[in-house]
Amino acid sequence: MASGADGAAPELDHVSLRSIARNLCRLFWRDLEIHHPGIDSLRLTAEVAQAWKERLFVTPKATQCGHG
């Protein structure tokens, strides 16, 4: 059995796995841009890294559509 990122879902083909990895990277970078405007490097300060880790444990509340 394979280990690492591809070990969790061995039925995924290479293209699908790359697509998932690319999307995760985009989500990670977008989160940094939203919470730390102007960030331009992956050399994160300890504070920025800790804040990102803490946001991983928070589930956003669902919003209701419409009025009421």
N, C-alpha and C. Protein backbone atom coordinates (compact mmCIF):
# COMPACT_ATOMS: atom_id res chain seq x y z
N MET A 1 0.84 -1.17 0.00
CA MET A 1 0.00 0.00 0.00
C MET A 1 0.89 1.24 0.00
N ALA A 2 0.49 2.24 -0.74
CA ALA A 2 1.27 3.47 -0.83
C ALA A 2 1.07 4.31 0.42
N SER A 3 2.07 5.14 0.71
CA SER A 3 1.95 6.03 1.86
C SER A 3 2.02 7.47 1.40
N GLY A 4 1.71 8.39 2.30
CA GLY A 4 1.75 9.80 1.96
C GLY A 4 0.42 10.28 1.43
N ALA A 5 0.43 11.40 0.70
CA ALA A 5 -0.81 12.02 0.21
C ALA A 5 -1.57 11.07 -0.71
N ASP A 6 -0.87 10.30 -1.53
CA ASP A 6 -1.56 9.41 -2.45
C ASP A 6 -2.04 8.13 -1.76
N GLY A 7 -1.58 7.86 -0.56
CA GLY A 7 -1.98 6.66 0.16
C GLY A 7 -3.39 6.73 0.70
N ALA A 8 -3.90 7.93 0.90
CA ALA A 8 -5.24 8.09 1.46
C ALA A 8 -6.31 7.69 0.46
N ALA A 9 -6.03 7.84 -0.82
CA ALA A 9 -7.01 7.53 -1.85
C ALA A 9 -6.30 6.90 -3.05
N PRO A 10 -5.90 5.64 -2.93
CA PRO A 10 -5.13 5.00 -4.00
C PRO A 10 -5.91 4.87 -5.31
N GLU A 11 -7.24 5.04 -5.27
CA GLU A 11 -8.01 4.91 -6.50
C GLU A 11 -7.95 6.17 -7.36
N LEU A 12 -7.38 7.27 -6.82
CA LEU A 12 -7.27 8.50 -7.60
C LEU A 12 -6.16 8.37 -8.64
N ASP A 13 -6.45 8.87 -9.83
CA ASP A 13 -5.42 8.88 -10.85
C ASP A 13 -4.51 10.09 -10.63
N HIS A 14 -3.40 10.11 -11.31
CA HIS A 14 -2.40 11.16 -11.13
C HIS A 14 -2.97 12.55 -11.43
N VAL A 15 -3.72 12.69 -12.48
CA VAL A 15 -4.29 13.99 -12.85
C VAL A 15 -5.25 14.50 -11.77
N SER A 16 -6.08 13.62 -11.25
CA SER A 16 -7.01 14.02 -10.18
C SER A 16 -6.26 14.43 -8.92
N LEU A 17 -5.25 13.67 -8.56
CA LEU A 17 -4.46 13.98 -7.38
C LEU A 17 -3.76 15.32 -7.52
N ARG A 18 -3.21 15.59 -8.69
CA ARG A 18 -2.55 16.89 -8.94
C ARG A 18 -3.57 18.02 -8.87
N SER A 19 -4.76 17.79 -9.37
CA SER A 19 -5.80 18.80 -9.34
C SER A 19 -6.20 19.13 -7.90
N ILE A 20 -6.34 18.11 -7.08
CA ILE A 20 -6.68 18.32 -5.67
C ILE A 20 -5.56 19.10 -4.98
N ALA A 21 -4.32 18.70 -5.22
CA ALA A 21 -3.18 19.39 -4.61
C ALA A 21 -3.13 20.85 -5.04
N ARG A 22 -3.37 21.12 -6.31
CA ARG A 22 -3.36 22.50 -6.82
C ARG A 22 -4.46 23.32 -6.16
N ASN A 23 -5.64 22.75 -6.02
CA ASN A 23 -6.74 23.47 -5.38
C ASN A 23 -6.46 23.74 -3.90
N LEU A 24 -5.87 22.78 -3.20
CA LEU A 24 -5.51 22.99 -1.81
C LEU A 24 -4.49 24.12 -1.67
N CYS A 25 -3.52 24.15 -2.57
CA CYS A 25 -2.53 25.24 -2.55
C CYS A 25 -3.18 26.58 -2.81
N ARG A 26 -4.09 26.63 -3.75
CA ARG A 26 -4.80 27.89 -4.04
C ARG A 26 -5.62 28.35 -2.83
N LEU A 27 -6.31 27.41 -2.18
CA LEU A 27 -7.10 27.76 -1.00
C LEU A 27 -6.20 28.27 0.13
N PHE A 28 -5.06 27.64 0.31
CA PHE A 28 -4.10 28.05 1.33
C PHE A 28 -3.64 29.48 1.06
N TRP A 29 -3.22 29.74 -0.19
CA TRP A 29 -2.72 31.07 -0.52
C TRP A 29 -3.83 32.12 -0.44
N ARG A 30 -5.02 31.78 -0.88
CA ARG A 30 -6.15 32.72 -0.82
C ARG A 30 -6.46 33.09 0.63
N ASP A 31 -6.42 32.12 1.52
CA ASP A 31 -6.65 32.40 2.93
C ASP A 31 -5.61 33.39 3.45
N LEU A 32 -4.35 33.18 3.09
CA LEU A 32 -3.31 34.11 3.52
C LEU A 32 -3.54 35.51 2.97
N GLU A 33 -3.94 35.60 1.70
CA GLU A 33 -4.19 36.91 1.10
C GLU A 33 -5.35 37.64 1.77
N ILE A 34 -6.38 36.91 2.14
CA ILE A 34 -7.55 37.52 2.79
C ILE A 34 -7.18 38.05 4.18
N HIS A 35 -6.46 37.25 4.95
CA HIS A 35 -6.18 37.60 6.33
C HIS A 35 -4.90 38.42 6.51
N HIS A 36 -4.05 38.44 5.49
CA HIS A 36 -2.79 39.18 5.56
C HIS A 36 -2.56 39.88 4.22
N PRO A 37 -3.35 40.93 3.92
CA PRO A 37 -3.24 41.62 2.63
C PRO A 37 -1.80 42.08 2.37
N GLY A 38 -1.38 41.89 1.15
CA GLY A 38 -0.04 42.31 0.76
C GLY A 38 1.02 41.25 0.94
N ILE A 39 0.64 40.10 1.48
CA ILE A 39 1.62 39.03 1.67
C ILE A 39 2.16 38.61 0.30
N ASP A 40 3.47 38.41 0.21
CA ASP A 40 4.05 38.08 -1.09
C ASP A 40 5.12 36.99 -1.00
N SER A 41 5.12 36.27 0.11
CA SER A 41 6.12 35.24 0.30
C SER A 41 5.55 34.10 1.14
N LEU A 42 6.09 32.92 0.93
CA LEU A 42 5.71 31.78 1.76
C LEU A 42 6.56 31.71 3.03
N ARG A 43 7.45 32.65 3.20
CA ARG A 43 8.23 32.73 4.45
C ARG A 43 7.36 33.41 5.50
N LEU A 44 6.55 32.61 6.15
CA LEU A 44 5.58 33.12 7.10
C LEU A 44 6.23 33.36 8.46
N THR A 45 5.81 34.45 9.08
CA THR A 45 6.25 34.67 10.45
C THR A 45 5.57 33.63 11.33
N ALA A 46 6.07 33.46 12.52
CA ALA A 46 5.47 32.50 13.44
C ALA A 46 4.02 32.88 13.73
N GLU A 47 3.75 34.18 13.83
CA GLU A 47 2.40 34.65 14.12
C GLU A 47 1.43 34.35 12.97
N VAL A 48 1.87 34.57 11.75
CA VAL A 48 1.02 34.30 10.58
C VAL A 48 0.75 32.81 10.47
N ALA A 49 1.77 31.99 10.67
CA ALA A 49 1.60 30.54 10.59
C ALA A 49 0.65 30.05 11.67
N GLN A 50 0.79 30.56 12.88
CA GLN A 50 -0.08 30.15 13.98
C GLN A 50 -1.52 30.56 13.72
N ALA A 51 -1.72 31.78 13.21
CA ALA A 51 -3.07 32.25 12.90
C ALA A 51 -3.72 31.36 11.85
N TRP A 52 -2.95 30.94 10.83
CA TRP A 52 -3.49 30.06 9.79
C TRP A 52 -3.88 28.71 10.40
N LYS A 53 -3.04 28.17 11.25
CA LYS A 53 -3.33 26.89 11.89
C LYS A 53 -4.61 26.97 12.72
N GLU A 54 -4.79 28.08 13.42
CA GLU A 54 -5.98 28.25 14.24
C GLU A 54 -7.23 28.37 13.38
N ARG A 55 -7.13 29.00 12.22
CA ARG A 55 -8.29 29.11 11.33
C ARG A 55 -8.72 27.75 10.78
N LEU A 56 -7.82 26.79 10.72
CA LEU A 56 -8.16 25.46 10.24
C LEU A 56 -9.19 24.77 11.13
N PHE A 57 -9.20 25.13 12.40
CA PHE A 57 -10.08 24.47 13.36
C PHE A 57 -11.43 25.17 13.52
N VAL A 58 -11.63 26.25 12.80
CA VAL A 58 -12.89 26.99 12.89
C VAL A 58 -13.75 26.66 11.68
N THR A 59 -14.98 26.22 11.94
CA THR A 59 -15.91 25.94 10.86
C THR A 59 -16.80 27.15 10.66
N PRO A 60 -16.78 27.73 9.45
CA PRO A 60 -17.64 28.89 9.23
C PRO A 60 -19.11 28.53 9.39
N LYS A 61 -19.88 29.46 9.93
CA LYS A 61 -21.31 29.24 10.07
C LYS A 61 -21.96 29.33 8.71
N ALA A 62 -22.95 28.47 8.47
CA ALA A 62 -23.70 28.52 7.23
C ALA A 62 -24.59 29.76 7.24
N THR A 63 -24.72 30.38 6.10
CA THR A 63 -25.60 31.54 6.00
C THR A 63 -26.89 31.14 5.33
N GLN A 64 -27.97 31.77 5.72
CA GLN A 64 -29.27 31.48 5.13
C GLN A 64 -29.51 32.38 3.93
N CYS A 65 -30.10 31.84 2.93
CA CYS A 65 -30.45 32.61 1.74
C CYS A 65 -31.87 33.16 1.93
N GLY A 66 -32.12 34.29 1.36
CA GLY A 66 -33.47 34.86 1.43
C GLY A 66 -33.67 35.68 2.67
N HIS A 67 -34.89 36.03 2.94
CA HIS A 67 -35.23 36.87 4.09
C HIS A 67 -35.87 36.02 5.17
N GLY A 68 -35.48 36.31 6.41
CA GLY A 68 -36.15 35.58 7.48
C GLY A 68 -35.25 34.93 8.36
